PDB file of all heavy atoms in Angstrom:
ATOM      1  N   VAL A   1      77.564 128.080  72.275  1.00  0.00           N
ATOM      2  CA  VAL A   1      76.200 128.631  72.348  1.00  0.00           C
ATOM      3  C   VAL A   1      76.022 129.468  73.608  1.00  0.00           C
ATOM      4  O   VAL A   1      75.462 130.547  73.584  1.00  0.00           O
ATOM      5  CB  VAL A   1      75.158 127.475  72.273  1.00  0.00           C
ATOM      6  CG1 VAL A   1      73.773 127.981  72.625  1.00  0.00           C
ATOM      7  CG2 VAL A   1      75.179 126.850  70.888  1.00  0.00           C
ATOM      8  N   ALA A   2      76.556 128.975  74.734  1.00  0.00           N
ATOM      9  CA  ALA A   2      76.448 129.705  76.015  1.00  0.00           C
ATOM     10  C   ALA A   2      77.194 131.032  75.924  1.00  0.00           C
ATOM     11  O   ALA A   2      76.694 132.062  76.410  1.00  0.00           O
ATOM     12  CB  ALA A   2      77.005 128.853  77.148  1.00  0.00           C
ATOM     13  N   ARG A   3      78.356 131.036  75.311  1.00  0.00           N
ATOM     14  CA  ARG A   3      79.123 132.293  75.164  1.00  0.00           C
ATOM     15  C   ARG A   3      78.349 133.286  74.275  1.00  0.00           C
ATOM     16  O   ARG A   3      78.265 134.461  74.581  1.00  0.00           O
ATOM     17  CB  ARG A   3      80.482 132.007  74.573  1.00  0.00           C
ATOM     18  CG  ARG A   3      81.466 131.465  75.569  1.00  0.00           C
ATOM     19  CD  ARG A   3      82.879 131.414  74.973  1.00  0.00           C
ATOM     20  NE  ARG A   3      83.741 130.675  75.836  1.00  0.00           N
ATOM     21  CZ  ARG A   3      83.994 129.373  75.723  1.00  0.00           C
ATOM     22  NH1 ARG A   3      83.478 128.672  74.736  1.00  0.00           N
ATOM     23  NH2 ARG A   3      84.759 128.745  76.590  1.00  0.00           N
ATOM     24  N   ALA A   4      77.813 132.781  73.187  1.00  0.00           N
ATOM     25  CA  ALA A   4      77.068 133.656  72.295  1.00  0.00           C
ATOM     26  C   ALA A   4      75.835 134.223  73.003  1.00  0.00           C
ATOM     27  O   ALA A   4      75.506 135.407  72.854  1.00  0.00           O
ATOM     28  CB  ALA A   4      76.649 132.889  71.028  1.00  0.00           C
ATOM     29  N   GLU A   5      75.152 133.400  73.778  1.00  0.00           N
ATOM     30  CA  GLU A   5      73.969 133.887  74.515  1.00  0.00           C
ATOM     31  C   GLU A   5      74.375 134.906  75.570  1.00  0.00           C
ATOM     32  O   GLU A   5      73.679 135.902  75.767  1.00  0.00           O
ATOM     33  CB  GLU A   5      73.276 132.685  75.183  1.00  0.00           C
ATOM     34  CG  GLU A   5      72.041 133.067  75.973  1.00  0.00           C
ATOM     35  CD  GLU A   5      70.953 133.768  75.167  1.00  0.00           C
ATOM     36  OE1 GLU A   5      70.881 133.553  73.940  1.00  0.00           O
ATOM     37  OE2 GLU A   5      70.187 134.535  75.757  1.00  0.00           O
ATOM     38  N   ALA A   6      75.494 134.697  76.236  1.00  0.00           N
ATOM     39  CA  ALA A   6      75.979 135.662  77.229  1.00  0.00           C
ATOM     40  C   ALA A   6      76.314 137.004  76.575  1.00  0.00           C
ATOM     41  O   ALA A   6      75.983 138.065  77.092  1.00  0.00           O
ATOM     42  CB  ALA A   6      77.163 135.114  77.993  1.00  0.00           C
ATOM     43  N   ARG A   7      76.966 136.937  75.420  1.00  0.00           N
ATOM     44  CA  ARG A   7      77.292 138.197  74.684  1.00  0.00           C
ATOM     45  C   ARG A   7      76.011 138.900  74.253  1.00  0.00           C
ATOM     46  O   ARG A   7      75.892 140.125  74.369  1.00  0.00           O
ATOM     47  CB  ARG A   7      78.167 137.878  73.465  1.00  0.00           C
ATOM     48  CG  ARG A   7      79.626 137.655  73.802  1.00  0.00           C
ATOM     49  CD  ARG A   7      80.496 137.623  72.574  1.00  0.00           C
ATOM     50  NE  ARG A   7      80.155 136.539  71.657  1.00  0.00           N
ATOM     51  CZ  ARG A   7      80.628 135.307  71.733  1.00  0.00           C
ATOM     52  NH1 ARG A   7      81.457 134.966  72.673  1.00  0.00           N
ATOM     53  NH2 ARG A   7      80.261 134.420  70.858  1.00  0.00           N
ATOM     54  N   ARG A   8      75.044 138.121  73.786  1.00  0.00           N
ATOM     55  CA  ARG A   8      73.791 138.717  73.356  1.00  0.00           C
ATOM     56  C   ARG A   8      73.065 139.374  74.530  1.00  0.00           C
ATOM     57  O   ARG A   8      72.581 140.484  74.446  1.00  0.00           O
ATOM     58  CB  ARG A   8      72.889 137.658  72.712  1.00  0.00           C
ATOM     59  CG  ARG A   8      71.621 138.262  72.073  1.00  0.00           C
ATOM     60  CD  ARG A   8      70.513 137.248  71.927  1.00  0.00           C
ATOM     61  NE  ARG A   8      70.007 136.728  73.164  1.00  0.00           N
ATOM     62  CZ  ARG A   8      69.247 137.443  74.054  1.00  0.00           C
ATOM     63  NH1 ARG A   8      68.943 138.670  73.801  1.00  0.00           N
ATOM     64  NH2 ARG A   8      68.797 136.880  75.148  1.00  0.00           N
ATOM     65  N   GLU A   9      73.046 138.683  75.675  1.00  0.00           N
ATOM     66  CA  GLU A   9      72.366 139.221  76.848  1.00  0.00           C
ATOM     67  C   GLU A   9      73.058 140.460  77.392  1.00  0.00           C
ATOM     68  O   GLU A   9      72.418 141.440  77.729  1.00  0.00           O
ATOM     69  CB  GLU A   9      72.302 138.141  77.942  1.00  0.00           C
ATOM     70  CG  GLU A   9      71.604 138.605  79.214  1.00  0.00           C
ATOM     71  CD  GLU A   9      70.144 138.990  79.010  1.00  0.00           C
ATOM     72  OE1 GLU A   9      69.487 138.446  78.091  1.00  0.00           O
ATOM     73  OE2 GLU A   9      69.676 139.873  79.756  1.00  0.00           O
ATOM     74  N   ALA A  10      74.397 140.445  77.417  1.00  0.00           N
ATOM     75  CA  ALA A  10      75.134 141.615  77.881  1.00  0.00           C
ATOM     76  C   ALA A  10      74.916 142.791  76.930  1.00  0.00           C
ATOM     77  O   ALA A  10      74.741 143.936  77.378  1.00  0.00           O
ATOM     78  CB  ALA A  10      76.637 141.307  78.001  1.00  0.00           C
ATOM     79  N   SER A  11      74.904 142.513  75.674  1.00  0.00           N
ATOM     80  CA  SER A  11      74.650 143.559  74.677  1.00  0.00           C
ATOM     81  C   SER A  11      73.231 144.118  74.825  1.00  0.00           C
ATOM     82  O   SER A  11      73.021 145.334  74.771  1.00  0.00           O
ATOM     83  CB  SER A  11      74.849 143.017  73.262  1.00  0.00           C
ATOM     84  OG  SER A  11      74.583 144.007  72.316  1.00  0.00           O
ATOM     85  N   ALA A  12      72.271 143.241  75.046  1.00  0.00           N
ATOM     86  CA  ALA A  12      70.877 143.691  75.234  1.00  0.00           C
ATOM     87  C   ALA A  12      70.737 144.567  76.476  1.00  0.00           C
ATOM     88  O   ALA A  12      70.035 145.572  76.442  1.00  0.00           O
ATOM     89  CB  ALA A  12      69.924 142.468  75.301  1.00  0.00           C
ATOM     90  N   GLN A  13      71.422 144.179  77.544  1.00  0.00           N
ATOM     91  CA  GLN A  13      71.374 144.994  78.759  1.00  0.00           C
ATOM     92  C   GLN A  13      71.993 146.363  78.519  1.00  0.00           C
ATOM     93  O   GLN A  13      71.485 147.382  79.013  1.00  0.00           O
ATOM     94  CB  GLN A  13      72.077 144.296  79.919  1.00  0.00           C
ATOM     95  CG  GLN A  13      71.342 143.107  80.448  1.00  0.00           C
ATOM     96  CD  GLN A  13      72.120 142.390  81.529  1.00  0.00           C
ATOM     97  OE1 GLN A  13      73.212 142.795  81.915  1.00  0.00           O
ATOM     98  NE2 GLN A  13      71.558 141.297  82.027  1.00  0.00           N
ATOM     99  N   ASN A  14      73.079 146.388  77.786  1.00  0.00           N
ATOM    100  CA  ASN A  14      73.736 147.656  77.459  1.00  0.00           C
ATOM    101  C   ASN A  14      72.824 148.534  76.623  1.00  0.00           C
ATOM    102  O   ASN A  14      72.666 149.733  76.883  1.00  0.00           O
ATOM    103  CB  ASN A  14      75.055 147.370  76.721  1.00  0.00           C
ATOM    104  CG  ASN A  14      76.033 148.501  76.850  1.00  0.00           C
ATOM    105  OD1 ASN A  14      76.100 149.141  77.895  1.00  0.00           O
ATOM    106  ND2 ASN A  14      76.797 148.734  75.828  1.00  0.00           N
ATOM    107  N   ILE A  15      72.194 147.944  75.618  1.00  0.00           N
ATOM    108  CA  ILE A  15      71.297 148.695  74.761  1.00  0.00           C
ATOM    109  C   ILE A  15      70.101 149.211  75.572  1.00  0.00           C
ATOM    110  O   ILE A  15      69.702 150.369  75.425  1.00  0.00           O
ATOM    111  CB  ILE A  15      70.836 147.818  73.560  1.00  0.00           C
ATOM    112  CG1 ILE A  15      72.020 147.597  72.605  1.00  0.00           C
ATOM    113  CG2 ILE A  15      69.651 148.447  72.839  1.00  0.00           C
ATOM    114  CD1 ILE A  15      71.786 146.512  71.588  1.00  0.00           C
ATOM    115  N   ASP A  16      69.541 148.372  76.428  1.00  0.00           N
ATOM    116  CA  ASP A  16      68.405 148.803  77.263  1.00  0.00           C
ATOM    117  C   ASP A  16      68.777 149.985  78.145  1.00  0.00           C
ATOM    118  O   ASP A  16      68.027 150.940  78.275  1.00  0.00           O
ATOM    119  CB  ASP A  16      67.898 147.666  78.157  1.00  0.00           C
ATOM    120  CG  ASP A  16      67.177 146.586  77.380  1.00  0.00           C
ATOM    121  OD1 ASP A  16      66.817 146.827  76.207  1.00  0.00           O
ATOM    122  OD2 ASP A  16      66.976 145.495  77.956  1.00  0.00           O
ATOM    123  N   PHE A  17      69.989 149.910  78.713  1.00  0.00           N
ATOM    124  CA  PHE A  17      70.456 151.014  79.578  1.00  0.00           C
ATOM    125  C   PHE A  17      70.583 152.307  78.803  1.00  0.00           C
ATOM    126  O   PHE A  17      70.097 153.363  79.219  1.00  0.00           O
ATOM    127  CB  PHE A  17      71.776 150.592  80.224  1.00  0.00           C
ATOM    128  CG  PHE A  17      72.262 151.549  81.288  1.00  0.00           C
ATOM    129  CD1 PHE A  17      71.705 151.534  82.544  1.00  0.00           C
ATOM    130  CD2 PHE A  17      73.254 152.463  81.009  1.00  0.00           C
ATOM    131  CE1 PHE A  17      72.146 152.398  83.530  1.00  0.00           C
ATOM    132  CE2 PHE A  17      73.700 153.342  81.985  1.00  0.00           C
ATOM    133  CZ  PHE A  17      73.141 153.325  83.253  1.00  0.00           C
ATOM    134  N   VAL A  18      71.226 152.220  77.644  1.00  0.00           N
ATOM    135  CA  VAL A  18      71.419 153.414  76.810  1.00  0.00           C
ATOM    136  C   VAL A  18      70.088 153.921  76.303  1.00  0.00           C
ATOM    137  O   VAL A  18      69.852 155.145  76.276  1.00  0.00           O
ATOM    138  CB  VAL A  18      72.404 153.109  75.661  1.00  0.00           C
ATOM    139  CG1 VAL A  18      72.454 154.247  74.657  1.00  0.00           C
ATOM    140  CG2 VAL A  18      73.793 152.827  76.204  1.00  0.00           C
ATOM    141  N   MET A  19      69.190 153.029  75.897  1.00  0.00           N
ATOM    142  CA  MET A  19      67.903 153.484  75.396  1.00  0.00           C
ATOM    143  C   MET A  19      67.067 154.140  76.483  1.00  0.00           C
ATOM    144  O   MET A  19      66.328 155.111  76.231  1.00  0.00           O
ATOM    145  CB  MET A  19      67.136 152.306  74.781  1.00  0.00           C
ATOM    146  CG  MET A  19      67.714 151.859  73.452  1.00  0.00           C
ATOM    147  SD  MET A  19      67.895 153.192  72.234  1.00  0.00           S
ATOM    148  CE  MET A  19      66.191 153.610  71.939  1.00  0.00           C
ATOM    149  N   GLN A  20      67.194 153.641  77.721  1.00  0.00           N
ATOM    150  CA  GLN A  20      66.484 154.278  78.819  1.00  0.00           C
ATOM    151  C   GLN A  20      66.976 155.718  79.011  1.00  0.00           C
ATOM    152  O   GLN A  20      66.160 156.629  79.182  1.00  0.00           O
ATOM    153  CB  GLN A  20      66.675 153.485  80.117  1.00  0.00           C
ATOM    154  CG  GLN A  20      65.897 154.047  81.266  1.00  0.00           C
ATOM    155  CD  GLN A  20      66.082 153.274  82.534  1.00  0.00           C
ATOM    156  OE1 GLN A  20      66.963 152.410  82.639  1.00  0.00           O
ATOM    157  NE2 GLN A  20      65.275 153.561  83.522  1.00  0.00           N
ATOM    158  N   LEU A  21      68.272 155.904  78.908  1.00  0.00           N
ATOM    159  CA  LEU A  21      68.830 157.271  79.015  1.00  0.00           C
ATOM    160  C   LEU A  21      68.376 158.126  77.832  1.00  0.00           C
ATOM    161  O   LEU A  21      68.126 159.320  77.991  1.00  0.00           O
ATOM    162  CB  LEU A  21      70.341 157.248  79.077  1.00  0.00           C
ATOM    163  CG  LEU A  21      70.967 156.616  80.314  1.00  0.00           C
ATOM    164  CD1 LEU A  21      72.473 156.550  80.179  1.00  0.00           C
ATOM    165  CD2 LEU A  21      70.576 157.376  81.570  1.00  0.00           C
ATOM    166  N   THR A  22      68.271 157.522  76.682  1.00  0.00           N
ATOM    167  CA  THR A  22      67.935 158.268  75.483  1.00  0.00           C
ATOM    168  C   THR A  22      66.461 158.632  75.426  1.00  0.00           C
ATOM    169  O   THR A  22      66.100 159.733  75.000  1.00  0.00           O
ATOM    170  CB  THR A  22      68.280 157.408  74.234  1.00  0.00           C
ATOM    171  OG1 THR A  22      69.669 157.077  74.295  1.00  0.00           O
ATOM    172  CG2 THR A  22      67.973 158.134  72.949  1.00  0.00           C
ATOM    173  N   THR A  23      65.591 157.742  75.871  1.00  0.00           N
ATOM    174  CA  THR A  23      64.154 157.981  75.710  1.00  0.00           C
ATOM    175  C   THR A  23      63.508 158.630  76.901  1.00  0.00           C
ATOM    176  O   THR A  23      62.347 159.100  76.796  1.00  0.00           O
ATOM    177  CB  THR A  23      63.431 156.657  75.411  1.00  0.00           C
ATOM    178  OG1 THR A  23      63.685 155.739  76.497  1.00  0.00           O
ATOM    179  CG2 THR A  23      63.920 156.062  74.097  1.00  0.00           C
ATOM    180  N   ASP A  24      64.180 158.717  78.033  1.00  0.00           N
ATOM    181  CA  ASP A  24      63.617 159.363  79.237  1.00  0.00           C
ATOM    182  C   ASP A  24      64.242 160.738  79.372  1.00  0.00           C
ATOM    183  O   ASP A  24      65.385 160.859  79.821  1.00  0.00           O
ATOM    184  CB  ASP A  24      63.901 158.485  80.443  1.00  0.00           C
ATOM    185  CG  ASP A  24      63.286 159.056  81.734  1.00  0.00           C
ATOM    186  OD1 ASP A  24      63.066 160.271  81.806  1.00  0.00           O
ATOM    187  OD2 ASP A  24      63.040 158.239  82.647  1.00  0.00           O
ATOM    188  N   PRO A  25      63.529 161.777  79.007  1.00  0.00           N
ATOM    189  CA  PRO A  25      64.126 163.131  79.021  1.00  0.00           C
ATOM    190  C   PRO A  25      64.612 163.547  80.396  1.00  0.00           C
ATOM    191  O   PRO A  25      65.678 164.206  80.510  1.00  0.00           O
ATOM    192  CB  PRO A  25      62.992 164.053  78.538  1.00  0.00           C
ATOM    193  CG  PRO A  25      61.933 163.185  78.000  1.00  0.00           C
ATOM    194  CD  PRO A  25      62.153 161.796  78.544  1.00  0.00           C
ATOM    195  N   ASP A  26      63.908 163.199  81.440  1.00  0.00           N
ATOM    196  CA  ASP A  26      64.332 163.586  82.778  1.00  0.00           C
ATOM    197  C   ASP A  26      65.621 162.868  83.185  1.00  0.00           C
ATOM    198  O   ASP A  26      66.547 163.487  83.734  1.00  0.00           O
ATOM    199  CB  ASP A  26      63.235 163.316  83.829  1.00  0.00           C
ATOM    200  CG  ASP A  26      62.046 164.227  83.659  1.00  0.00           C
ATOM    201  OD1 ASP A  26      62.234 165.372  83.184  1.00  0.00           O
ATOM    202  OD2 ASP A  26      60.929 163.802  83.980  1.00  0.00           O
ATOM    203  N   LEU A  27      65.697 161.597  82.925  1.00  0.00           N
ATOM    204  CA  LEU A  27      66.911 160.846  83.248  1.00  0.00           C
ATOM    205  C   LEU A  27      68.068 161.323  82.370  1.00  0.00           C
ATOM    206  O   LEU A  27      69.203 161.463  82.857  1.00  0.00           O
ATOM    207  CB  LEU A  27      66.667 159.353  83.080  1.00  0.00           C
ATOM    208  CG  LEU A  27      67.761 158.428  83.600  1.00  0.00           C
ATOM    209  CD1 LEU A  27      68.040 158.682  85.079  1.00  0.00           C
ATOM    210  CD2 LEU A  27      67.375 156.981  83.359  1.00  0.00           C
ATOM    211  N   ASN A  28      67.797 161.584  81.116  1.00  0.00           N
ATOM    212  CA  ASN A  28      68.826 162.102  80.214  1.00  0.00           C
ATOM    213  C   ASN A  28      69.357 163.418  80.734  1.00  0.00           C
ATOM    214  O   ASN A  28      70.568 163.665  80.733  1.00  0.00           O
ATOM    215  CB  ASN A  28      68.260 162.240  78.795  1.00  0.00           C
ATOM    216  CG  ASN A  28      69.340 162.627  77.817  1.00  0.00           C
ATOM    217  OD1 ASN A  28      70.419 162.038  77.804  1.00  0.00           O
ATOM    218  ND2 ASN A  28      69.064 163.612  77.017  1.00  0.00           N
ATOM    219  N   ARG A  29      68.468 164.295  81.199  1.00  0.00           N
ATOM    220  CA  ARG A  29      68.880 165.583  81.753  1.00  0.00           C
ATOM    221  C   ARG A  29      69.805 165.374  82.938  1.00  0.00           C
ATOM    222  O   ARG A  29      70.839 166.039  83.071  1.00  0.00           O
ATOM    223  CB  ARG A  29      67.640 166.377  82.159  1.00  0.00           C
ATOM    224  CG  ARG A  29      67.924 167.688  82.907  1.00  0.00           C
ATOM    225  CD  ARG A  29      66.645 168.381  83.367  1.00  0.00           C
ATOM    226  NE  ARG A  29      65.716 167.516  84.106  1.00  0.00           N
ATOM    227  CZ  ARG A  29      65.846 167.175  85.382  1.00  0.00           C
ATOM    228  NH1 ARG A  29      66.841 167.610  86.093  1.00  0.00           N
ATOM    229  NH2 ARG A  29      64.934 166.388  85.965  1.00  0.00           N
TER     230      ARG A  29
END
């Protein structure tokens, strides 16, 4: 369960980072 939660959290952080780059035009630029 701890491993699955860590994978989920790492994946969520990765998605958040990519989405921030995707949705913020200035940062994307």
